Amino acid sequence: MCLAVPVCVTEVLEDDMAKVRVGEGETYLTVSTMLLENPPEIGDYMIVHAGFALRVLEEKEAGEALALLKEVAQSGRVVEF
């Protein structure tokens, strides 16, 4: 199963790349933004999968997705689709 994770842009880099923070923690990734229609800005939320930003999210949408992921992780339940 694959999971796309909401991230927040902390730095816009050269060559269609960005440094992003995953969730509320201290995990940072460098991801490609080449698939986005417009370059992201610092503070934008994006959905990322396999190192590629797929689309920009509204802050509310990103917060809801992160809250759901956190709830599932803390519950210890196995979610099947």
PDB file of N, CA and C in Angstrom:
ATOM      1  N   MET A   1       0.838  -1.171   0.000  1.00  0.00           N
ATOM      2  CA  MET A   1       0.000   0.000   0.000  1.00  0.00           C
ATOM      3  C   MET A   1       0.887   1.239   0.000  1.00  0.00           C
ATOM      4  N   CYS A   2       0.481   2.236  -0.718  1.00  0.00           N
ATOM      5  CA  CYS A   2       1.218   3.492  -0.791  1.00  0.00           C
ATOM      6  C   CYS A   2       0.449   4.562  -0.034  1.00  0.00           C
ATOM      7  N   LEU A   3       1.186   5.510   0.513  1.00  0.00           N
ATOM      8  CA  LEU A   3       0.569   6.578   1.281  1.00  0.00           C
ATOM      9  C   LEU A   3       1.178   7.902   0.855  1.00  0.00           C
ATOM     10  N   ALA A   4       0.329   8.847   0.460  1.00  0.00           N
ATOM     11  CA  ALA A   4       0.776  10.200   0.150  1.00  0.00           C
ATOM     12  C   ALA A   4       0.622  11.022   1.423  1.00  0.00           C
ATOM     13  N   VAL A   5       1.639  11.799   1.759  1.00  0.00           N
ATOM     14  CA  VAL A   5       1.687  12.499   3.038  1.00  0.00           C
ATOM     15  C   VAL A   5       1.658  14.011   2.836  1.00  0.00           C
ATOM     16  N   PRO A   6       0.817  14.733   3.601  1.00  0.00           N
ATOM     17  CA  PRO A   6       0.853  16.197   3.535  1.00  0.00           C
ATOM     18  C   PRO A   6       2.133  16.732   4.184  1.00  0.00           C
ATOM     19  N   VAL A   7       2.731  17.723   3.534  1.00  0.00           N
ATOM     20  CA  VAL A   7       3.960  18.349   4.030  1.00  0.00           C
ATOM     21  C   VAL A   7       3.837  19.863   3.897  1.00  0.00           C
ATOM     22  N   CYS A   8       4.700  20.576   4.617  1.00  0.00           N
ATOM     23  CA  CYS A   8       4.716  22.040   4.558  1.00  0.00           C
ATOM     24  C   CYS A   8       6.062  22.497   3.988  1.00  0.00           C
ATOM     25  N   VAL A   9       6.012  23.392   3.015  1.00  0.00           N
ATOM     26  CA  VAL A   9       7.229  23.900   2.372  1.00  0.00           C
ATOM     27  C   VAL A   9       7.964  24.823   3.332  1.00  0.00           C
ATOM     28  N   THR A  10       9.231  24.513   3.596  1.00  0.00           N
ATOM     29  CA  THR A  10      10.055  25.363   4.458  1.00  0.00           C
ATOM     30  C   THR A  10      11.098  26.146   3.670  1.00  0.00           C
ATOM     31  N   GLU A  11      11.395  25.656   2.471  1.00  0.00           N
ATOM     32  CA  GLU A  11      12.398  26.325   1.639  1.00  0.00           C
ATOM     33  C   GLU A  11      12.177  25.926   0.187  1.00  0.00           C
ATOM     34  N   VAL A  12      12.181  26.913  -0.708  1.00  0.00           N
ATOM     35  CA  VAL A  12      12.092  26.645  -2.136  1.00  0.00           C
ATOM     36  C   VAL A  12      13.513  26.636  -2.683  1.00  0.00           C
ATOM     37  N   LEU A  13      13.892  25.540  -3.316  1.00  0.00           N
ATOM     38  CA  LEU A  13      15.245  25.349  -3.823  1.00  0.00           C
ATOM     39  C   LEU A  13      15.277  25.494  -5.337  1.00  0.00           C
ATOM     40  N   GLU A  14      16.466  25.479  -5.897  1.00  0.00           N
ATOM     41  CA  GLU A  14      16.625  25.544  -7.353  1.00  0.00           C
ATOM     42  C   GLU A  14      16.213  24.236  -7.995  1.00  0.00           C
ATOM     43  N   ASP A  15      16.068  24.269  -9.299  1.00  0.00           N
ATOM     44  CA  ASP A  15      15.807  23.067 -10.108  1.00  0.00           C
ATOM     45  C   ASP A  15      14.538  22.331  -9.699  1.00  0.00           C
ATOM     46  N   ASP A  16      13.461  23.092  -9.440  1.00  0.00           N
ATOM     47  CA  ASP A  16      12.158  22.493  -9.120  1.00  0.00           C
ATOM     48  C   ASP A  16      12.204  21.565  -7.908  1.00  0.00           C
ATOM     49  N   MET A  17      12.892  21.987  -6.874  1.00  0.00           N
ATOM     50  CA  MET A  17      12.993  21.210  -5.643  1.00  0.00           C
ATOM     51  C   MET A  17      12.552  22.092  -4.472  1.00  0.00           C
ATOM     52  N   ALA A  18      12.127  21.435  -3.382  1.00  0.00           N
ATOM     53  CA  ALA A  18      11.734  22.156  -2.172  1.00  0.00           C
ATOM     54  C   ALA A  18      12.094  21.320  -0.952  1.00  0.00           C
ATOM     55  N   LYS A  19      12.422  22.007   0.129  1.00  0.00           N
ATOM     56  CA  LYS A  19      12.623  21.341   1.421  1.00  0.00           C
ATOM     57  C   LYS A  19      11.294  21.465   2.153  1.00  0.00           C
ATOM     58  N   VAL A  20      10.829  20.337   2.701  1.00  0.00           N
ATOM     59  CA  VAL A  20       9.518  20.310   3.344  1.00  0.00           C
ATOM     60  C   VAL A  20       9.593  19.645   4.710  1.00  0.00           C
ATOM     61  N   ARG A  21       8.650  20.008   5.582  1.00  0.00           N
ATOM     62  CA  ARG A  21       8.552  19.378   6.899  1.00  0.00           C
ATOM     63  C   ARG A  21       7.346  18.446   6.885  1.00  0.00           C
ATOM     64  N   VAL A  22       7.550  17.249   7.376  1.00  0.00           N
ATOM     65  CA  VAL A  22       6.486  16.248   7.434  1.00  0.00           C
ATOM     66  C   VAL A  22       5.741  16.397   8.752  1.00  0.00           C
ATOM     67  N   GLY A  23       4.445  16.665   8.687  1.00  0.00           N
ATOM     68  CA  GLY A  23       3.621  16.778   9.884  1.00  0.00           C
ATOM     69  C   GLY A  23       4.112  17.863  10.818  1.00  0.00           C
ATOM     70  N   GLU A  24       4.023  17.592  12.105  1.00  0.00           N
ATOM     71  CA  GLU A  24       4.428  18.559  13.131  1.00  0.00           C
ATOM     72  C   GLU A  24       5.792  18.219  13.714  1.00  0.00           C
ATOM     73  N   GLY A  25       6.419  17.167  13.201  1.00  0.00           N
ATOM     74  CA  GLY A  25       7.677  16.698  13.760  1.00  0.00           C
ATOM     75  C   GLY A  25       8.887  17.401  13.191  1.00  0.00           C
ATOM     76  N   GLU A  26      10.024  16.766  13.380  1.00  0.00           N
ATOM     77  CA  GLU A  26      11.301  17.310  12.921  1.00  0.00           C
ATOM     78  C   GLU A  26      11.848  16.525  11.729  1.00  0.00           C
ATOM     79  N   THR A  27      10.962  15.897  10.973  1.00  0.00           N
ATOM     80  CA  THR A  27      11.384  15.173   9.786  1.00  0.00           C
ATOM     81  C   THR A  27      11.274  16.098   8.580  1.00  0.00           C
ATOM     82  N   TYR A  28      12.382  16.255   7.873  1.00  0.00           N
ATOM     83  CA  TYR A  28      12.424  17.105   6.684  1.00  0.00           C
ATOM     84  C   TYR A  28      12.841  16.266   5.489  1.00  0.00           C
ATOM     85  N   LEU A  29      12.264  16.578   4.342  1.00  0.00           N
ATOM     86  CA  LEU A  29      12.592  15.900   3.089  1.00  0.00           C
ATOM     87  C   LEU A  29      12.879  16.938   2.019  1.00  0.00           C
ATOM     88  N   THR A  30      13.611  16.533   1.017  1.00  0.00           N
ATOM     89  CA  THR A  30      13.762  17.343  -0.186  1.00  0.00           C
ATOM     90  C   THR A  30      12.963  16.635  -1.268  1.00  0.00           C
ATOM     91  N   VAL A  31      12.026  17.368  -1.873  1.00  0.00           N
ATOM     92  CA  VAL A  31      11.124  16.767  -2.846  1.00  0.00           C
ATOM     93  C   VAL A  31      11.131  17.554  -4.149  1.00  0.00           C
ATOM     94  N   SER A  32      10.748  16.878  -5.211  1.00  0.00           N
ATOM     95  CA  SER A  32      10.630  17.513  -6.515  1.00  0.00           C
ATOM     96  C   SER A  32       9.269  18.198  -6.637  1.00  0.00           C
ATOM     97  N   THR A  33       9.262  19.393  -7.191  1.00  0.00           N
ATOM     98  CA  THR A  33       8.016  20.116  -7.441  1.00  0.00           C
ATOM     99  C   THR A  33       7.723  20.214  -8.938  1.00  0.00           C
ATOM    100  N   MET A  34       8.433  19.433  -9.732  1.00  0.00           N
ATOM    101  CA  MET A  34       8.312  19.544 -11.190  1.00  0.00           C
ATOM    102  C   MET A  34       6.929  19.176 -11.716  1.00  0.00           C
ATOM    103  N   LEU A  35       6.132  18.434 -10.956  1.00  0.00           N
ATOM    104  CA  LEU A  35       4.800  18.041 -11.416  1.00  0.00           C
ATOM    105  C   LEU A  35       3.726  19.086 -11.108  1.00  0.00           C
ATOM    106  N   LEU A  36       4.072  20.100 -10.328  1.00  0.00           N
ATOM    107  CA  LEU A  36       3.107  21.138  -9.974  1.00  0.00           C
ATOM    108  C   LEU A  36       2.941  22.144 -11.101  1.00  0.00           C
ATOM    109  N   GLU A  37       1.717  22.662 -11.232  1.00  0.00           N
ATOM    110  CA  GLU A  37       1.439  23.660 -12.264  1.00  0.00           C
ATOM    111  C   GLU A  37       2.198  24.962 -11.999  1.00  0.00           C
ATOM    112  N   ASN A  38       2.250  25.368 -10.711  1.00  0.00           N
ATOM    113  CA  ASN A  38       2.946  26.592 -10.314  1.00  0.00           C
ATOM    114  C   ASN A  38       3.926  26.260  -9.193  1.00  0.00           C
ATOM    115  N   PRO A  39       5.037  26.977  -9.123  1.00  0.00           N
ATOM    116  CA  PRO A  39       6.001  26.717  -8.049  1.00  0.00           C
ATOM    117  C   PRO A  39       5.372  27.001  -6.682  1.00  0.00           C
ATOM    118  N   PRO A  40       5.714  26.210  -5.678  1.00  0.00           N
ATOM    119  CA  PRO A  40       5.161  26.450  -4.333  1.00  0.00           C
ATOM    120  C   PRO A  40       5.855  27.634  -3.674  1.00  0.00           C
ATOM    121  N   GLU A  41       5.225  28.115  -2.606  1.00  0.00           N
ATOM    122  CA  GLU A  41       5.803  29.173  -1.791  1.00  0.00           C
ATOM    123  C   GLU A  41       6.025  28.636  -0.385  1.00  0.00           C
ATOM    124  N   ILE A  42       6.931  29.261   0.348  1.00  0.00           N
ATOM    125  CA  ILE A  42       7.165  28.871   1.740  1.00  0.00           C
ATOM    126  C   ILE A  42       5.849  28.977   2.494  1.00  0.00           C
ATOM    127  N   GLY A  43       5.531  27.924   3.254  1.00  0.00           N
ATOM    128  CA  GLY A  43       4.283  27.887   4.008  1.00  0.00           C
ATOM    129  C   GLY A  43       3.168  27.135   3.306  1.00  0.00           C
ATOM    130  N   ASP A  44       3.325  26.867   2.004  1.00  0.00           N
ATOM    131  CA  ASP A  44       2.333  26.075   1.283  1.00  0.00           C
ATOM    132  C   ASP A  44       2.347  24.643   1.794  1.00  0.00           C
ATOM    133  N   TYR A  45       1.190  24.019   1.757  1.00  0.00           N
ATOM    134  CA  TYR A  45       1.078  22.593   2.060  1.00  0.00           C
ATOM    135  C   TYR A  45       0.916  21.850   0.750  1.00  0.00           C
ATOM    136  N   MET A  46       1.564  20.710   0.656  1.00  0.00           N
ATOM    137  CA  MET A  46       1.496  19.897  -0.553  1.00  0.00           C
ATOM    138  C   MET A  46       1.283  18.451  -0.163  1.00  0.00           C
ATOM    139  N   ILE A  47       0.762  17.683  -1.102  1.00  0.00           N
ATOM    140  CA  ILE A  47       0.671  16.247  -0.907  1.00  0.00           C
ATOM    141  C   ILE A  47       1.844  15.645  -1.680  1.00  0.00           C
ATOM    142  N   VAL A  48       2.621  14.792  -1.008  1.00  0.00           N
ATOM    143  CA  VAL A  48       3.841  14.240  -1.603  1.00  0.00           C
ATOM    144  C   VAL A  48       3.774  12.721  -1.601  1.00  0.00           C
ATOM    145  N   HIS A  49       4.206  12.151  -2.698  1.00  0.00           N
ATOM    146  CA  HIS A  49       4.293  10.693  -2.809  1.00  0.00           C
ATOM    147  C   HIS A  49       5.552  10.353  -3.580  1.00  0.00           C
ATOM    148  N   ALA A  50       6.343   9.439  -3.049  1.00  0.00           N
ATOM    149  CA  ALA A  50       7.558   8.942  -3.705  1.00  0.00           C
ATOM    150  C   ALA A  50       8.501  10.068  -4.116  1.00  0.00           C
ATOM    151  N   GLY A  51       8.577  11.110  -3.284  1.00  0.00           N
ATOM    152  CA  GLY A  51       9.522  12.192  -3.532  1.00  0.00           C
ATOM    153  C   GLY A  51       9.038  13.271  -4.484  1.00  0.00           C
ATOM    154  N   PHE A  52       7.771  13.185  -4.934  1.00  0.00           N
ATOM    155  CA  PHE A  52       7.220  14.174  -5.858  1.00  0.00           C
ATOM    156  C   PHE A  52       5.999  14.852  -5.240  1.00  0.00           C
ATOM    157  N   ALA A  53       5.977  16.183  -5.283  1.00  0.00           N
ATOM    158  CA  ALA A  53       4.788  16.920  -4.864  1.00  0.00           C
ATOM    159  C   ALA A  53       3.736  16.735  -5.952  1.00  0.00           C
ATOM    160  N   LEU A  54       2.555  16.269  -5.549  1.00  0.00           N
ATOM    161  CA  LEU A  54       1.498  16.001  -6.518  1.00  0.00           C
ATOM    162  C   LEU A  54       0.552  17.182  -6.689  1.00  0.00           C
ATOM    163  N   ARG A  55       0.277  17.884  -5.590  1.00  0.00           N
ATOM    164  CA  ARG A  55      -0.571  19.075  -5.673  1.00  0.00           C
ATOM    165  C   ARG A  55      -0.460  19.879  -4.388  1.00  0.00           C
ATOM    166  N   VAL A  56      -0.832  21.152  -4.487  1.00  0.00           N
ATOM    167  CA  VAL A  56      -0.846  22.041  -3.330  1.00  0.00           C
ATOM    168  C   VAL A  56      -2.196  21.866  -2.636  1.00  0.00           C
ATOM    169  N   LEU A  57      -2.168  21.834  -1.306  1.00  0.00           N
ATOM    170  CA  LEU A  57      -3.377  21.686  -0.489  1.00  0.00           C
ATOM    171  C   LEU A  57      -3.698  22.988   0.220  1.00  0.00           C
ATOM    172  N   GLU A  58      -4.974  23.178   0.515  1.00  0.00           N
ATOM    173  CA  GLU A  58      -5.362  24.264   1.404  1.00  0.00           C
ATOM    174  C   GLU A  58      -4.888  23.870   2.808  1.00  0.00           C
ATOM    175  N   GLU A  59      -4.551  24.848   3.627  1.00  0.00           N
ATOM    176  CA  GLU A  59      -4.047  24.561   4.975  1.00  0.00           C
ATOM    177  C   GLU A  59      -5.055  23.735   5.782  1.00  0.00           C
ATOM    178  N   LYS A  60      -6.337  24.037   5.656  1.00  0.00           N
ATOM    179  CA  LYS A  60      -7.371  23.299   6.385  1.00  0.00           C
ATOM    180  C   LYS A  60      -7.392  21.833   5.954  1.00  0.00           C
ATOM    181  N   GLU A  61      -7.316  21.593   4.651  1.00  0.00           N
ATOM    182  CA  GLU A  61      -7.319  20.221   4.135  1.00  0.00           C
ATOM    183  C   GLU A  61      -6.104  19.441   4.635  1.00  0.00           C
ATOM    184  N   ALA A  62      -4.939  20.090   4.631  1.00  0.00           N
ATOM    185  CA  ALA A  62      -3.721  19.441   5.116  1.00  0.00           C
ATOM    186  C   ALA A  62      -3.845  19.115   6.600  1.00  0.00           C
ATOM    187  N   GLY A  63      -4.379  20.038   7.390  1.00  0.00           N
ATOM    188  CA  GLY A  63      -4.551  19.814   8.820  1.00  0.00           C
ATOM    189  C   GLY A  63      -5.490  18.657   9.118  1.00  0.00           C
ATOM    190  N   GLU A  64      -6.576  18.566   8.365  1.00  0.00           N
ATOM    191  CA  GLU A  64      -7.526  17.466   8.550  1.00  0.00           C
ATOM    192  C   GLU A  64      -6.878  16.124   8.213  1.00  0.00           C
ATOM    193  N   ALA A  65      -6.125  16.086   7.114  1.00  0.00           N
ATOM    194  CA  ALA A  65      -5.460  14.846   6.710  1.00  0.00           C
ATOM    195  C   ALA A  65      -4.423  14.423   7.747  1.00  0.00           C
ATOM    196  N   LEU A  66      -3.642  15.371   8.246  1.00  0.00           N
ATOM    197  CA  LEU A  66      -2.634  15.049   9.254  1.00  0.00           C
ATOM    198  C   LEU A  66      -3.281  14.578  10.556  1.00  0.00           C
ATOM    199  N   ALA A  67      -4.393  15.192  10.928  1.00  0.00           N
ATOM    200  CA  ALA A  67      -5.090  14.772  12.145  1.00  0.00           C
ATOM    201  C   ALA A  67      -5.604  13.338  12.009  1.00  0.00           C
ATOM    202  N   LEU A  68      -6.136  12.988  10.846  1.00  0.00           N
ATOM    203  CA  LEU A  68      -6.618  11.624  10.624  1.00  0.00           C
ATOM    204  C   LEU A  68      -5.474  10.619  10.659  1.00  0.00           C
ATOM    205  N   LEU A  69      -4.357  10.950  10.023  1.00  0.00           N
ATOM    206  CA  LEU A  69      -3.201  10.054  10.036  1.00  0.00           C
ATOM    207  C   LEU A  69      -2.683   9.849  11.458  1.00  0.00           C
ATOM    208  N   LYS A  70      -2.643  10.935  12.231  1.00  0.00           N
ATOM    209  CA  LYS A  70      -2.188  10.850  13.617  1.00  0.00           C
ATOM    210  C   LYS A  70      -3.130   9.978  14.445  1.00  0.00           C
ATOM    211  N   GLU A  71      -4.437  10.136  14.241  1.00  0.00           N
ATOM    212  CA  GLU A  71      -5.425   9.344  14.973  1.00  0.00           C
ATOM    213  C   GLU A  71      -5.258   7.855  14.674  1.00  0.00           C
ATOM    214  N   VAL A  72      -5.082   7.522  13.410  1.00  0.00           N
ATOM    215  CA  VAL A  72      -4.905   6.118  13.029  1.00  0.00           C
ATOM    216  C   VAL A  72      -3.611   5.567  13.636  1.00  0.00           C
ATOM    217  N   ALA A  73      -2.536   6.344  13.560  1.00  0.00           N
ATOM    218  CA  ALA A  73      -1.250   5.891  14.099  1.00  0.00           C
ATOM    219  C   ALA A  73      -1.333   5.654  15.607  1.00  0.00           C
ATOM    220  N   GLN A  74      -2.020   6.515  16.319  1.00  0.00           N
ATOM    221  CA  GLN A  74      -2.113   6.398  17.769  1.00  0.00           C
ATOM    222  C   GLN A  74      -3.072   5.300  18.209  1.00  0.00           C
ATOM    223  N   SER A  75      -4.010   4.923  17.351  1.00  0.00           N
ATOM    224  CA  SER A  75      -5.003   3.920  17.719  1.00  0.00           C
ATOM    225  C   SER A  75      -4.430   2.502  17.729  1.00  0.00           C
ATOM    226  N   GLY A  76      -3.377   2.286  16.943  1.00  0.00           N
ATOM    227  CA  GLY A  76      -2.795   0.956  16.839  1.00  0.00           C
ATOM    228  C   GLY A  76      -3.623   0.027  15.970  1.00  0.00           C
ATOM    229  N   ARG A  77      -4.674   0.540  15.358  1.00  0.00           N
ATOM    230  CA  ARG A  77      -5.526  -0.268  14.489  1.00  0.00           C
ATOM    231  C   ARG A  77      -4.861  -0.466  13.141  1.00  0.00           C
ATOM    232  N   VAL A  78      -5.199  -1.566  12.506  1.00  0.00           N
ATOM    233  CA  VAL A  78      -4.770  -1.825  11.140  1.00  0.00           C
ATOM    234  C   VAL A  78      -5.939  -1.445  10.244  1.00  0.00           C
ATOM    235  N   VAL A  79      -5.665  -0.580   9.281  1.00  0.00           N
ATOM    236  CA  VAL A  79      -6.712  -0.118   8.373  1.00  0.00           C
ATOM    237  C   VAL A  79      -6.547  -0.831   7.057  1.00  0.00           C
ATOM    238  N   GLU A  80      -7.608  -1.488   6.604  1.00  0.00           N
ATOM    239  CA  GLU A  80      -7.569  -2.184   5.323  1.00  0.00           C
ATOM    240  C   GLU A  80      -8.509  -1.498   4.358  1.00  0.00           C
ATOM    241  N   PHE A  81      -8.105  -1.467   3.104  1.00  0.00           N
ATOM    242  CA  PHE A  81      -8.925  -0.847   2.059  1.00  0.00           C
ATOM    243  C   PHE A  81      -9.366  -1.877   1.061  1.00  0.00           C
TER     244      PHE A  81
END
